[in-house]
Every structure is written in C-alpha cells, then in structure tokens.
C-alpha cells in the first residue's frame, strides 16, 4: 500500500472517531456555559494529564522547533526551556491555586481576585484570545504543509478539511470534545514520539559527540554549542518563552477544569517535564538534518526532508499520525479557549443578564467564526498570523507582570478566595501596566524591560489612584 493511501486512511479514521466523540458528549457540554468551558470543574487526572500533553505538543513543536534547530542550532534550547519549562513553573507555582477555583478564563480570575475592572478584563481577554487565534491558524497551516509533503496534494484543501473537522467537533462538545479526543491524541503522541526519535537520531548513533563532529564536517560547528552566544540572548529567549506561556488561556482553563488543585498541579507538572524532553529532542532533530543535508533552501523542510529520506514507510505513517494527533489536539484546544475568552471576557461583563443557554450559543457561534477566520489566515495571510503572534510577546510583557504583582501585593495575609479582591492593584494601575508593558515588549527594548517597567507602572499608578469595593462571596473547590 502506498504512503498516500495510508495517510488518507489514517486521516479519515481519525476524523470519524473525533466526530463520533463530539456527538456523544454534546449533551453534557450544552447543560451550562461552565460545562461548555471547563466541564464544571470536574475532570479527573487522566483526562487533565493527556489533554495537557496533547495540547502542548502541537505541530509547531514537531515542525517549528526542528526548523529552528536547523537554522540556529542549540540557541533554540534556552527558548525551549523557557517555553516548555514554564509549564513546570506553572505547575509548581500557579496550578494548585488555579485548581481551587472554577473560573472560565485567566481574565475572569484576575478580574475577581485582583482588579475588579471590566476594561482590564477586556484588555487581558483580547491579548490572550489573539494568542489562541494565531495558534489555531498555525496548526492548520502546519498540517496542510505536512500532508502536502507526504502526498503531493495541494495543501489548501487539506487545511480546509482539517479545520472543518476540528471546528465541528469543538462546536458540538466544547471542552468535553477537546479533552476526550485529547486522551486518544495524547497517548498517541507519547508512544509514537519515542518511535520517531529512535529513527531520527540513528544517523548520529544517538551521540552528542558524533553530532558535533559531523556538524564541524559540514561547516556548522557553531550550531552545536552555546559557548559563543551572549548570555543576554539566552536570557531573553528563556524569558520570552516562559512569560508568554504563563499568559496562555489553554493551561489556566485546564486547571480550572480539574476536579481539585492536586489534579491540576500534577497533570501540568508531568506534561511539562515531557514537553521539555520532547521539544528539546525535536530541536536536535533539526541539527541531525543539518548534518545530513546542510543546504536546504527552507529550514521549515528540516523535519519533512528527514522523514521522507531517512525513515521507512511504516515509520512515516507513524510520524504522520503523531503530527496529525498533535496538531489537531492543539488546534481544538486553542479554538475552544479563544471562543470561551471572547464570550466570557468581551460579552459577559457588558451583558451580565445573558442566560447560560445564550452564552453557550454565543460560544458555539464564535467557535465557527474564529475557526473560519483562522483557516483563511492560515491559507491567505501569513502576515496576519504573525501579527496575532505578537500578542505572545505582548501578553508576556504586559499581562504576566500585572498578574504577579497582583498575587504578591496583597491587602491581607488571607489566601485568595473567589469573590474576594485581595490585591492592592487599582483598575488604572492594571490598565496602564498592561498597556505600557505590552508596548515596550514589542519595541527595541524587548520583553525584559517590558516586564520590569510594567511591574513598576502597575505599583506606582496603583498607589496614586482609587481602588474599587470588594464584596465577599468566596466559592472555592476542594484542595
């Protein structure tokens, strides 16, 4: 059987299973907006763990970091440790806290515990939703390119097909569709990744010494070391990856969906460790490709070229299944998160009388709208994806410092509880902190200065502007 036939069979079977799952869970998801967004905060450890793993390991982590490894070598590793290691930091510092609550979004949590300001909530919502929208488009584009490389088919219809499938099953089942499909996808990612890496590193005999020697032979010895890279570059890459991820709704949403704080923490911790290992190995795959073919015109072809030239057909089928699972799980998670943010933080605060049924319907409609927009962006306007991706830096430099200041600069020594504002941040302090930090992070000064200035502005402005009242109605889940 040809590779093209195998790839099509795998694709059709996968899509059929995912759609079947969404039909089975749609009634549970439609019971309330909380169910559609976070499954009512009831998910057990096995669903949280594998949805975390599947969501983290998107097409970008299997394709994008291989391209970065091919292009810049080990300099990509600090960014990987920041981007993926931030999940470990998140697990140890934030997941336990978030797991106590049943908020739908990060914006809502910051609004309730720290700020109490609809404008700030909307600002946070816009930035975090933009990250999610960019990632949805990126996953579709990555899948289309890989499918085209394996089959020779035009990537545009493939992008439309994949996006249509995950739009439909996310539309029907909300977070329930996402976590149950992710259970299957996460298991595939873990098992099949080890098979792929085994073949990918065989040309260098699984040896870092052999890899560095062969890099020197092709005139790329500089890619195999960090010794010539300024510490400031390494630190910037680490901070950018770390702070950007801490503002990602998909991870907060899974903590809010967990049945308790221990489940939220342990799921994120294990998946974060797995992500650091897998993504670092993917960057190294790019170096292996550099050794085998140092003259690729497009670094984005590093992973496809290696697969098409150095692994047998059955492994190619395994790898395609791996990437299909990774891309679709990441896409559906980000699509669901984007629609939930738009409803929860840009509609609900300004229309508080909307019923649960209306909010669920809004979320379903926006799932389709965001999905279609992301599809078109992936096909026709890569610059739009790049523009939205700037929100990654803006969120890291604007939202995260305000969040950290708010959590540390408390009014009392009491623990945070739903319904109680226990932070000294004022609405104007939060607004200006987010805006100034975001702008500076995009400027020539970068995210390091953005973080520092954002924190300072938040504190100083809060000292000189009025705060809001803080009604108390705590509602935490079991620890």
Foldseek 3Di string as FASTA:
>chain_A
DALLVLLVVLVVVLLVVLQVQLVVQLVQLLPFVLCLQQNVQADFQLLLQLLLLLQLQALCLQQVLLLVCLVQAPLLLLLLCQQLVLLQVCLVPPLQVLLFAQDRWPLVVCCFAFEVDLVLSQVLLVLQLLQLLLLLLVLLLSLLVLSCLRNVDRSLVVSVVLLVSLLVSCLRRRVSSLSVLSSVLSVLLVVLLVVVLVQLCVVQPVDLVSLLVLCVVLVNNSSSDCVPPDVVSSVQSNLLSNLLNVSHGLLSSSSSSHNHSVSSSVSSNVSSVVSSVSSSSSSVSSSSLCSVPVDDPRSSCSSSVCLVPGDDSVSNSSVSSNNSSSSSSNSSSSLSSSLSSCLVSVPCVVPVPDGRSRSSVSSSVSSVVSSVVSSCCSPPNVVSSVVSNLSSQLCSLAVRLSVVQQCVAFQDPDDTFGQFHTGLFYNVLNVCLSVQLSVCCPDPNHRVVSSVVSNVSRVVVSVPDDHDDGGHDGDTRDD
